[in-house]
Each structure stands twice: as structure tokens, then as C-alpha cells.
Amino acid sequence: RSRNGRKKRTQINTRTITMDSMFTAILVILGMIKIPSVIPGAEFQLSAPYAVCLASLVGFGRYLGIGICASIIQLLLGTHTIYNVIVAMVFRIVAGLFIEFFPNKKVSIILSGPLGTASARIVVSFLLHVSIAPLMLAAIPGMIFTALTAVVLNKLFSKIPRYVQEVAV
């Protein structure tokens, strides 16, 4: 916020575009990395906790733009299908809006990932006409992983140098 209490507009400049490109590249790479689980279909995706922290750092609008760019790149590379993109976009919208509108940042960092994942699983169940229960059960380990990892990543993000945070806000 500015001195007069009005919300500051983000100025788009070379530094902002560069930072968003870097954030997008990291999101693309992490979206391709999946940590296997002992439960079939319950792998952990490293992009979820990163995305939660990114939304907290740069705000919903920029975060959504970064996510859209990442999804386009993943579609073009053939590493994601349209279903993967739908799941990712539902996650991004729910998690990002929760962070944007929930006043307690620590609680929103913990809850936004699992809420985004649950919402995405609900959409998948409707799209594929399958029962929601197995999808949610398979997602529980990933939800816990996301909540815990997002807390740790958020602490790392708080260490980002001041000049980068000024661009991110």
C-alpha cells in the first residue's frame, strides 16, 4: 500500500518481466518433477508448495499469469495434457485466491495448497465421471506434503533479498 492508503499498482518493467520469467521457468521444471509415493497415484508434485509461496510473494494476478505461462510451456513441451492443465489451473485459482483474501498469511500458506488440491480433485472427478473418494484418498499424502513443505519454502522465500521483494510486490 502507498502512503495515502491506496493499493499500489505493480509497475511492469524489465526487472518484473525477468523475475516472472524466472519464476515461470522454475514452476515448469518443478511441475515435471514428481516424487513417488508408496500409495499408487499419490505422488508428490514439487510445484504445489512452490506455487503457494509464489502466490504469497507476488500476489494473485502475477501468480496466475506465471501459472498460465507455465501451463502453455508444459503443453507445448508435451509434458502435460489438457487434464493436467485443468487440474493445475483449478489449484492455482483456489490456492491463490485463498492466499489473497485470507488475512493470516501463515494459516493461508498451510491451508491453501490442500484446498487447491481438493478442489482440483473434485473437478477431475466430474470431468472423468469417477468417484471422488479414491481421488481424495490418493491426494491426502500430497496435501500433507504440500502444507509442510510450503511452510519451509515460505521461510526460504522470506530470505529473498529486499530488492527482489520490492519487484515482487
N, C-alpha and C. Protein backbone atom coordinates (compact mmCIF):
# COMPACT_ATOMS: atom_id res chain seq x y z
N ARG A 1 0.84 -1.19 0.00
CA ARG A 1 0.00 0.00 0.00
C ARG A 1 0.87 1.24 0.00
N SER A 2 0.38 2.27 -0.63
CA SER A 2 1.12 3.52 -0.67
C SER A 2 0.88 4.32 0.61
N ARG A 3 1.52 5.46 0.69
CA ARG A 3 1.41 6.28 1.90
C ARG A 3 -0.01 6.75 2.16
N ASN A 4 -0.77 7.00 1.10
CA ASN A 4 -2.13 7.50 1.29
C ASN A 4 -3.16 6.39 1.49
N GLY A 5 -2.70 5.14 1.65
CA GLY A 5 -3.60 4.03 1.95
C GLY A 5 -4.15 3.32 0.74
N ARG A 6 -3.90 3.86 -0.45
CA ARG A 6 -4.38 3.19 -1.66
C ARG A 6 -3.45 2.04 -2.03
N LYS A 7 -4.02 1.05 -2.67
CA LYS A 7 -3.23 -0.09 -3.08
C LYS A 7 -2.30 0.34 -4.22
N LYS A 8 -0.99 -0.02 -4.08
CA LYS A 8 -0.02 0.32 -5.10
C LYS A 8 -0.22 -0.56 -6.31
N ARG A 9 -0.10 0.04 -7.47
CA ARG A 9 -0.15 -0.72 -8.72
C ARG A 9 1.23 -1.25 -9.01
N THR A 10 1.29 -2.48 -9.47
CA THR A 10 2.57 -3.06 -9.82
C THR A 10 3.03 -2.46 -11.14
N GLN A 11 4.23 -1.91 -11.14
CA GLN A 11 4.80 -1.36 -12.35
C GLN A 11 5.46 -2.48 -13.12
N ILE A 12 5.12 -2.62 -14.39
CA ILE A 12 5.73 -3.65 -15.21
C ILE A 12 6.96 -3.04 -15.86
N ASN A 13 8.10 -3.60 -15.55
CA ASN A 13 9.35 -3.14 -16.12
C ASN A 13 10.21 -4.34 -16.45
N THR A 14 11.41 -4.09 -16.92
CA THR A 14 12.30 -5.17 -17.32
C THR A 14 12.58 -6.12 -16.17
N ARG A 15 12.78 -5.58 -14.98
CA ARG A 15 13.08 -6.42 -13.82
C ARG A 15 11.89 -7.33 -13.48
N THR A 16 10.67 -6.79 -13.53
CA THR A 16 9.48 -7.59 -13.24
C THR A 16 9.31 -8.71 -14.27
N ILE A 17 9.48 -8.38 -15.53
CA ILE A 17 9.36 -9.40 -16.59
C ILE A 17 10.43 -10.48 -16.41
N THR A 18 11.64 -10.07 -16.07
CA THR A 18 12.72 -11.03 -15.86
C THR A 18 12.42 -11.94 -14.67
N MET A 19 11.97 -11.35 -13.58
CA MET A 19 11.65 -12.15 -12.39
C MET A 19 10.51 -13.12 -12.69
N ASP A 20 9.47 -12.64 -13.35
CA ASP A 20 8.34 -13.52 -13.67
C ASP A 20 8.75 -14.64 -14.60
N SER A 21 9.67 -14.35 -15.52
CA SER A 21 10.17 -15.41 -16.42
C SER A 21 10.93 -16.46 -15.63
N MET A 22 11.73 -16.01 -14.67
CA MET A 22 12.47 -16.95 -13.82
C MET A 22 11.50 -17.79 -12.99
N PHE A 23 10.50 -17.12 -12.38
CA PHE A 23 9.51 -17.84 -11.59
C PHE A 23 8.77 -18.87 -12.45
N THR A 24 8.45 -18.49 -13.71
CA THR A 24 7.77 -19.40 -14.63
C THR A 24 8.64 -20.61 -14.94
N ALA A 25 9.91 -20.38 -15.24
CA ALA A 25 10.82 -21.48 -15.56
C ALA A 25 10.93 -22.45 -14.39
N ILE A 26 11.03 -21.92 -13.19
CA ILE A 26 11.12 -22.79 -12.01
C ILE A 26 9.82 -23.59 -11.85
N LEU A 27 8.67 -22.94 -12.07
CA LEU A 27 7.38 -23.63 -11.96
C LEU A 27 7.27 -24.75 -13.00
N VAL A 28 7.74 -24.50 -14.22
CA VAL A 28 7.72 -25.52 -15.27
C VAL A 28 8.57 -26.72 -14.85
N ILE A 29 9.78 -26.44 -14.40
CA ILE A 29 10.69 -27.53 -14.00
C ILE A 29 10.11 -28.32 -12.83
N LEU A 30 9.63 -27.62 -11.82
CA LEU A 30 9.07 -28.33 -10.66
C LEU A 30 7.79 -29.08 -11.01
N GLY A 31 7.05 -28.60 -12.00
CA GLY A 31 5.83 -29.29 -12.44
C GLY A 31 6.13 -30.62 -13.11
N MET A 32 7.36 -30.78 -13.58
CA MET A 32 7.75 -32.04 -14.23
C MET A 32 8.31 -33.04 -13.23
N ILE A 33 8.63 -32.59 -12.03
CA ILE A 33 9.24 -33.47 -11.03
C ILE A 33 8.16 -34.00 -10.10
N LYS A 34 8.06 -35.29 -10.04
CA LYS A 34 7.09 -35.93 -9.15
C LYS A 34 7.85 -36.92 -8.27
N ILE A 35 7.63 -36.81 -6.97
CA ILE A 35 8.26 -37.73 -6.02
C ILE A 35 7.32 -38.91 -5.82
N PRO A 36 7.76 -40.14 -6.08
CA PRO A 36 6.87 -41.29 -5.95
C PRO A 36 6.42 -41.52 -4.51
N SER A 37 5.28 -42.16 -4.39
CA SER A 37 4.71 -42.49 -3.09
C SER A 37 4.50 -43.99 -3.03
N VAL A 38 4.39 -44.50 -1.81
CA VAL A 38 4.11 -45.93 -1.65
C VAL A 38 2.68 -46.25 -2.06
N ILE A 39 1.83 -45.23 -2.08
CA ILE A 39 0.44 -45.40 -2.50
C ILE A 39 0.33 -45.05 -3.98
N PRO A 40 -0.14 -45.99 -4.82
CA PRO A 40 -0.26 -45.69 -6.26
C PRO A 40 -1.15 -44.47 -6.50
N GLY A 41 -0.68 -43.57 -7.38
CA GLY A 41 -1.45 -42.38 -7.73
C GLY A 41 -1.32 -41.25 -6.73
N ALA A 42 -0.49 -41.42 -5.71
CA ALA A 42 -0.37 -40.41 -4.66
C ALA A 42 1.02 -39.75 -4.66
N GLU A 43 1.60 -39.60 -5.86
CA GLU A 43 2.92 -38.99 -5.92
C GLU A 43 2.84 -37.52 -5.49
N PHE A 44 3.97 -37.00 -5.06
CA PHE A 44 4.04 -35.62 -4.61
C PHE A 44 4.59 -34.77 -5.74
N GLN A 45 3.94 -33.68 -6.00
CA GLN A 45 4.42 -32.77 -7.03
C GLN A 45 5.09 -31.59 -6.36
N LEU A 46 6.32 -31.33 -6.72
CA LEU A 46 7.09 -30.27 -6.07
C LEU A 46 6.60 -28.87 -6.42
N SER A 47 5.83 -28.74 -7.48
CA SER A 47 5.38 -27.41 -7.87
C SER A 47 4.30 -26.85 -6.94
N ALA A 48 3.57 -27.71 -6.24
CA ALA A 48 2.48 -27.22 -5.39
C ALA A 48 2.96 -26.33 -4.24
N PRO A 49 3.91 -26.76 -3.41
CA PRO A 49 4.35 -25.87 -2.34
C PRO A 49 5.05 -24.62 -2.88
N TYR A 50 5.78 -24.77 -3.98
CA TYR A 50 6.42 -23.60 -4.60
C TYR A 50 5.36 -22.61 -5.07
N ALA A 51 4.30 -23.11 -5.68
CA ALA A 51 3.23 -22.24 -6.18
C ALA A 51 2.56 -21.48 -5.05
N VAL A 52 2.33 -22.15 -3.94
CA VAL A 52 1.71 -21.50 -2.78
C VAL A 52 2.58 -20.32 -2.31
N CYS A 53 3.86 -20.56 -2.19
CA CYS A 53 4.77 -19.50 -1.74
C CYS A 53 4.88 -18.39 -2.78
N LEU A 54 4.86 -18.76 -4.04
CA LEU A 54 4.92 -17.78 -5.12
C LEU A 54 3.70 -16.86 -5.09
N ALA A 55 2.53 -17.45 -4.87
CA ALA A 55 1.30 -16.63 -4.78
C ALA A 55 1.40 -15.66 -3.62
N SER A 56 1.97 -16.09 -2.53
CA SER A 56 2.13 -15.23 -1.37
C SER A 56 3.13 -14.10 -1.65
N LEU A 57 4.15 -14.41 -2.41
CA LEU A 57 5.21 -13.44 -2.69
C LEU A 57 4.80 -12.37 -3.70
N VAL A 58 4.20 -12.79 -4.81
CA VAL A 58 3.95 -11.84 -5.91
C VAL A 58 2.51 -11.38 -6.03
N GLY A 59 1.59 -11.99 -5.31
CA GLY A 59 0.18 -11.61 -5.43
C GLY A 59 -0.54 -12.45 -6.47
N PHE A 60 -1.86 -12.46 -6.36
CA PHE A 60 -2.67 -13.37 -7.18
C PHE A 60 -2.55 -13.11 -8.68
N GLY A 61 -2.62 -11.86 -9.10
CA GLY A 61 -2.62 -11.54 -10.53
C GLY A 61 -1.34 -12.01 -11.22
N ARG A 62 -0.21 -11.64 -10.66
CA ARG A 62 1.06 -12.06 -11.26
C ARG A 62 1.24 -13.56 -11.16
N TYR A 63 0.83 -14.15 -10.04
CA TYR A 63 0.94 -15.59 -9.86
C TYR A 63 0.12 -16.33 -10.92
N LEU A 64 -1.08 -15.86 -11.18
CA LEU A 64 -1.92 -16.51 -12.19
C LEU A 64 -1.29 -16.38 -13.58
N GLY A 65 -0.73 -15.22 -13.89
CA GLY A 65 -0.05 -15.05 -15.18
C GLY A 65 1.14 -15.98 -15.32
N ILE A 66 1.92 -16.11 -14.25
CA ILE A 66 3.06 -17.02 -14.24
C ILE A 66 2.57 -18.46 -14.46
N GLY A 67 1.49 -18.83 -13.79
CA GLY A 67 0.94 -20.17 -13.93
C GLY A 67 0.42 -20.46 -15.33
N ILE A 68 -0.23 -19.48 -15.93
CA ILE A 68 -0.73 -19.66 -17.31
C ILE A 68 0.44 -19.86 -18.26
N CYS A 69 1.48 -19.04 -18.12
CA CYS A 69 2.67 -19.20 -18.97
C CYS A 69 3.29 -20.58 -18.78
N ALA A 70 3.40 -21.03 -17.53
CA ALA A 70 3.97 -22.34 -17.25
C ALA A 70 3.14 -23.45 -17.89
N SER A 71 1.82 -23.33 -17.82
CA SER A 71 0.95 -24.36 -18.41
C SER A 71 1.09 -24.38 -19.93
N ILE A 72 1.18 -23.22 -20.55
CA ILE A 72 1.36 -23.17 -22.01
C ILE A 72 2.68 -23.84 -22.40
N ILE A 73 3.73 -23.54 -21.67
CA ILE A 73 5.04 -24.16 -21.96
C ILE A 73 4.97 -25.67 -21.79
N GLN A 74 4.32 -26.14 -20.72
CA GLN A 74 4.23 -27.58 -20.49
C GLN A 74 3.39 -28.27 -21.56
N LEU A 75 2.35 -27.61 -22.04
CA LEU A 75 1.57 -28.17 -23.15
C LEU A 75 2.42 -28.25 -24.41
N LEU A 76 3.15 -27.18 -24.71
CA LEU A 76 3.99 -27.16 -25.90
C LEU A 76 5.11 -28.19 -25.84
N LEU A 77 5.65 -28.42 -24.65
CA LEU A 77 6.70 -29.42 -24.48
C LEU A 77 6.16 -30.85 -24.49
N GLY A 78 4.85 -30.99 -24.31
CA GLY A 78 4.25 -32.32 -24.28
C GLY A 78 4.38 -33.01 -22.94
N THR A 79 4.77 -32.27 -21.91
CA THR A 79 4.91 -32.87 -20.58
C THR A 79 3.60 -32.85 -19.80
N HIS A 80 2.62 -32.11 -20.28
CA HIS A 80 1.30 -32.05 -19.65
C HIS A 80 0.22 -32.17 -20.70
N THR A 81 -0.89 -32.74 -20.28
CA THR A 81 -2.07 -32.83 -21.13
C THR A 81 -3.04 -31.72 -20.72
N ILE A 82 -4.12 -31.60 -21.43
CA ILE A 82 -5.13 -30.60 -21.07
C ILE A 82 -5.71 -30.88 -19.69
N TYR A 83 -5.79 -32.16 -19.32
CA TYR A 83 -6.28 -32.51 -17.98
C TYR A 83 -5.31 -32.02 -16.90
N ASN A 84 -4.01 -32.18 -17.15
CA ASN A 84 -3.02 -31.66 -16.21
C ASN A 84 -3.16 -30.15 -16.06
N VAL A 85 -3.39 -29.47 -17.16
CA VAL A 85 -3.53 -28.01 -17.13
C VAL A 85 -4.79 -27.60 -16.37
N ILE A 86 -5.88 -28.32 -16.59
CA ILE A 86 -7.12 -28.01 -15.86
C ILE A 86 -6.91 -28.18 -14.36
N VAL A 87 -6.28 -29.29 -13.97
CA VAL A 87 -6.01 -29.54 -12.56
C VAL A 87 -5.13 -28.42 -12.00
N ALA A 88 -4.06 -28.07 -12.72
CA ALA A 88 -3.15 -27.02 -12.26
C ALA A 88 -3.87 -25.68 -12.14
N MET A 89 -4.71 -25.34 -13.10
CA MET A 89 -5.40 -24.04 -13.06
C MET A 89 -6.42 -23.98 -11.92
N VAL A 90 -7.13 -25.07 -11.67
CA VAL A 90 -8.05 -25.09 -10.53
C VAL A 90 -7.26 -24.91 -9.25
N PHE A 91 -6.16 -25.64 -9.12
CA PHE A 91 -5.30 -25.50 -7.94
C PHE A 91 -4.86 -24.04 -7.79
N ARG A 92 -4.36 -23.46 -8.87
CA ARG A 92 -3.83 -22.09 -8.81
C ARG A 92 -4.90 -21.08 -8.41
N ILE A 93 -6.07 -21.21 -8.98
CA ILE A 93 -7.14 -20.24 -8.69
C ILE A 93 -7.58 -20.36 -7.23
N VAL A 94 -7.84 -21.57 -6.78
CA VAL A 94 -8.31 -21.75 -5.40
C VAL A 94 -7.23 -21.37 -4.39
N ALA A 95 -6.02 -21.91 -4.56
CA ALA A 95 -4.93 -21.61 -3.62
C ALA A 95 -4.57 -20.12 -3.65
N GLY A 96 -4.47 -19.56 -4.84
CA GLY A 96 -4.11 -18.15 -4.97
C GLY A 96 -5.14 -17.21 -4.37
N LEU A 97 -6.42 -17.47 -4.63
CA LEU A 97 -7.46 -16.61 -4.06
C LEU A 97 -7.53 -16.77 -2.54
N PHE A 98 -7.31 -17.98 -2.05
CA PHE A 98 -7.32 -18.18 -0.59
C PHE A 98 -6.21 -17.36 0.06
N ILE A 99 -5.03 -17.39 -0.53
CA ILE A 99 -3.91 -16.60 0.00
C ILE A 99 -4.21 -15.11 -0.12
N GLU A 100 -4.80 -14.72 -1.23
CA GLU A 100 -5.09 -13.30 -1.46
C GLU A 100 -6.08 -12.74 -0.45
N PHE A 101 -7.10 -13.52 -0.10
CA PHE A 101 -8.18 -12.98 0.73
C PHE A 101 -8.16 -13.41 2.19
N PHE A 102 -7.32 -14.38 2.54
CA PHE A 102 -7.27 -14.81 3.93
C PHE A 102 -6.25 -13.96 4.66
N PRO A 103 -6.66 -13.31 5.74
CA PRO A 103 -5.77 -12.33 6.38
C PRO A 103 -4.54 -12.91 7.09
N ASN A 104 -4.61 -14.13 7.60
CA ASN A 104 -3.49 -14.71 8.33
C ASN A 104 -2.59 -15.46 7.35
N LYS A 105 -1.45 -14.86 7.00
CA LYS A 105 -0.58 -15.44 5.98
C LYS A 105 -0.06 -16.83 6.34
N LYS A 106 0.29 -17.05 7.61
CA LYS A 106 0.83 -18.37 7.99
C LYS A 106 -0.23 -19.46 7.80
N VAL A 107 -1.44 -19.20 8.25
CA VAL A 107 -2.52 -20.17 8.09
C VAL A 107 -2.86 -20.36 6.61
N SER A 108 -2.87 -19.26 5.86
CA SER A 108 -3.22 -19.38 4.44
C SER A 108 -2.15 -20.15 3.68
N ILE A 109 -0.88 -20.02 4.07
CA ILE A 109 0.20 -20.79 3.43
C ILE A 109 -0.02 -22.28 3.69
N ILE A 110 -0.43 -22.64 4.89
CA ILE A 110 -0.63 -24.04 5.25
C ILE A 110 -1.87 -24.63 4.57
N LEU A 111 -2.97 -23.89 4.55
CA LEU A 111 -4.25 -24.44 4.07
C LEU A 111 -4.48 -24.30 2.57
N SER A 112 -3.87 -23.32 1.93
CA SER A 112 -4.20 -23.05 0.53
C SER A 112 -3.85 -24.22 -0.40
N GLY A 113 -2.71 -24.87 -0.18
CA GLY A 113 -2.33 -26.00 -1.03
C GLY A 113 -3.30 -27.16 -0.94
N PRO A 114 -3.60 -27.64 0.29
CA PRO A 114 -4.59 -28.72 0.39
C PRO A 114 -5.97 -28.33 -0.16
N LEU A 115 -6.39 -27.10 0.05
CA LEU A 115 -7.69 -26.66 -0.51
C LEU A 115 -7.65 -26.65 -2.03
N GLY A 116 -6.54 -26.18 -2.60
CA GLY A 116 -6.39 -26.18 -4.06
C GLY A 116 -6.38 -27.59 -4.61
N THR A 117 -5.68 -28.49 -3.93
CA THR A 117 -5.63 -29.89 -4.36
C THR A 117 -7.00 -30.54 -4.28
N ALA A 118 -7.70 -30.34 -3.17
CA ALA A 118 -9.03 -30.93 -3.02
C ALA A 118 -9.98 -30.41 -4.10
N SER A 119 -9.93 -29.13 -4.37
CA SER A 119 -10.79 -28.55 -5.41
C SER A 119 -10.47 -29.13 -6.78
N ALA A 120 -9.18 -29.29 -7.07
CA ALA A 120 -8.78 -29.87 -8.35
C ALA A 120 -9.26 -31.32 -8.47
N ARG A 121 -9.19 -32.07 -7.39
CA ARG A 121 -9.66 -33.46 -7.41
C ARG A 121 -11.17 -33.53 -7.64
N ILE A 122 -11.90 -32.60 -7.06
CA ILE A 122 -13.36 -32.55 -7.29
C ILE A 122 -13.65 -32.31 -8.76
N VAL A 123 -12.94 -31.38 -9.37
CA VAL A 123 -13.14 -31.09 -10.79
C VAL A 123 -12.78 -32.31 -11.64
N VAL A 124 -11.68 -32.99 -11.30
CA VAL A 124 -11.29 -34.19 -12.04
C VAL A 124 -12.37 -35.27 -11.94
N SER A 125 -12.95 -35.43 -10.75
CA SER A 125 -14.00 -36.45 -10.60
C SER A 125 -15.20 -36.16 -11.50
N PHE A 126 -15.54 -34.89 -11.64
CA PHE A 126 -16.64 -34.53 -12.54
C PHE A 126 -16.25 -34.71 -14.01
N LEU A 127 -15.05 -34.31 -14.36
CA LEU A 127 -14.60 -34.43 -15.75
C LEU A 127 -14.50 -35.88 -16.21
N LEU A 128 -14.00 -36.73 -15.34
CA LEU A 128 -13.79 -38.13 -15.71
C LEU A 128 -14.91 -39.06 -15.27
N HIS A 129 -15.91 -38.51 -14.60
CA HIS A 129 -17.06 -39.29 -14.11
C HIS A 129 -16.61 -40.46 -13.24
N VAL A 130 -15.75 -40.15 -12.28
CA VAL A 130 -15.28 -41.16 -11.33
C VAL A 130 -15.63 -40.70 -9.92
N SER A 131 -15.60 -41.66 -9.00
CA SER A 131 -15.92 -41.36 -7.61
C SER A 131 -14.85 -40.43 -7.01
N ILE A 132 -15.29 -39.53 -6.18
CA ILE A 132 -14.39 -38.57 -5.55
C ILE A 132 -13.54 -39.22 -4.46
N ALA A 133 -14.07 -40.23 -3.78
CA ALA A 133 -13.39 -40.82 -2.62
C ALA A 133 -11.98 -41.32 -2.94
N PRO A 134 -11.78 -42.16 -3.97
CA PRO A 134 -10.42 -42.63 -4.23
C PRO A 134 -9.47 -41.50 -4.64
N LEU A 135 -9.99 -40.51 -5.33
CA LEU A 135 -9.15 -39.38 -5.73
C LEU A 135 -8.68 -38.59 -4.51
N MET A 136 -9.60 -38.38 -3.57
CA MET A 136 -9.23 -37.64 -2.35
C MET A 136 -8.29 -38.45 -1.47
N LEU A 137 -8.55 -39.74 -1.33
CA LEU A 137 -7.66 -40.59 -0.52
C LEU A 137 -6.24 -40.58 -1.07
N ALA A 138 -6.12 -40.68 -2.39
CA ALA A 138 -4.80 -40.67 -3.01
C ALA A 138 -4.11 -39.32 -2.85
N ALA A 139 -4.89 -38.26 -2.69
CA ALA A 139 -4.32 -36.91 -2.60
C ALA A 139 -3.88 -36.54 -1.18
N ILE A 140 -4.34 -37.25 -0.17
CA ILE A 140 -4.05 -36.87 1.22
C ILE A 140 -2.54 -36.79 1.52
N PRO A 141 -1.72 -37.78 1.12
CA PRO A 141 -0.28 -37.64 1.38
C PRO A 141 0.32 -36.39 0.71
N GLY A 142 -0.11 -36.11 -0.50
CA GLY A 142 0.38 -34.92 -1.20
C GLY A 142 -0.07 -33.63 -0.55
N MET A 143 -1.28 -33.62 -0.01
CA MET A 143 -1.78 -32.44 0.70
C MET A 143 -0.94 -32.16 1.94
N ILE A 144 -0.62 -33.22 2.67
CA ILE A 144 0.21 -33.06 3.87
C ILE A 144 1.61 -32.58 3.48
N PHE A 145 2.17 -33.20 2.44
CA PHE A 145 3.48 -32.81 1.94
C PHE A 145 3.48 -31.33 1.53
N THR A 146 2.47 -30.91 0.81
CA THR A 146 2.38 -29.52 0.35
C THR A 146 2.29 -28.55 1.53
N ALA A 147 1.43 -28.86 2.50
CA ALA A 147 1.27 -27.98 3.66
C ALA A 147 2.59 -27.82 4.42
N LEU A 148 3.28 -28.94 4.66
CA LEU A 148 4.53 -28.88 5.42
C LEU A 148 5.66 -28.22 4.62
N THR A 149 5.78 -28.59 3.37
CA THR A 149 6.84 -28.05 2.54
C THR A 149 6.65 -26.57 2.26
N ALA A 150 5.40 -26.13 2.12
CA ALA A 150 5.13 -24.71 1.87
C ALA A 150 5.59 -23.85 3.04
N VAL A 151 5.45 -24.36 4.24
CA VAL A 151 5.90 -23.61 5.42
C VAL A 151 7.42 -23.42 5.36
N VAL A 152 8.14 -24.49 5.03
CA VAL A 152 9.60 -24.42 4.94
C VAL A 152 10.02 -23.50 3.80
N LEU A 153 9.39 -23.67 2.63
CA LEU A 153 9.72 -22.83 1.48
C LEU A 153 9.42 -21.36 1.75
N ASN A 154 8.33 -21.10 2.47
CA ASN A 154 7.97 -19.72 2.76
C ASN A 154 9.04 -19.06 3.62
N LYS A 155 9.64 -19.82 4.53
CA LYS A 155 10.75 -19.29 5.34
C LYS A 155 11.93 -18.95 4.43
N LEU A 156 12.20 -19.81 3.43
CA LEU A 156 13.27 -19.52 2.48
C LEU A 156 12.95 -18.28 1.65
N PHE A 157 11.69 -18.17 1.21
CA PHE A 157 11.27 -17.02 0.41
C PHE A 157 11.42 -15.73 1.20
N SER A 158 11.26 -15.79 2.52
CA SER A 158 11.39 -14.59 3.33
C SER A 158 12.84 -14.10 3.36
N LYS A 159 13.76 -14.95 2.97
CA LYS A 159 15.18 -14.59 2.93
C LYS A 159 15.60 -13.96 1.61
N ILE A 160 14.67 -13.89 0.66
CA ILE A 160 14.99 -13.29 -0.63
C ILE A 160 15.42 -11.84 -0.41
N PRO A 161 16.47 -11.41 -1.08
CA PRO A 161 16.95 -10.04 -0.88
C PRO A 161 15.85 -8.99 -1.07
N ARG A 162 15.98 -7.91 -0.36
CA ARG A 162 14.98 -6.84 -0.34
C ARG A 162 14.66 -6.30 -1.74
N TYR A 163 15.65 -6.14 -2.60
CA TYR A 163 15.40 -5.56 -3.91
C TYR A 163 14.54 -6.47 -4.77
N VAL A 164 14.65 -7.78 -4.56
CA VAL A 164 13.80 -8.71 -5.32
C VAL A 164 12.37 -8.63 -4.78
N GLN A 165 12.20 -8.53 -3.47
CA GLN A 165 10.86 -8.43 -2.90
C GLN A 165 10.16 -7.16 -3.36
N GLU A 166 10.89 -6.07 -3.51
CA GLU A 166 10.27 -4.83 -3.97
C GLU A 166 9.69 -5.00 -5.37
N VAL A 167 10.38 -5.75 -6.22
CA VAL A 167 9.88 -6.02 -7.55
C VAL A 167 8.68 -6.96 -7.49
N ALA A 168 8.71 -7.91 -6.56
CA ALA A 168 7.68 -8.93 -6.48
C ALA A 168 6.37 -8.38 -5.96
N VAL A 169 6.39 -7.29 -5.24
CA VAL A 169 5.16 -6.80 -4.63
C VAL A 169 4.39 -5.92 -5.53
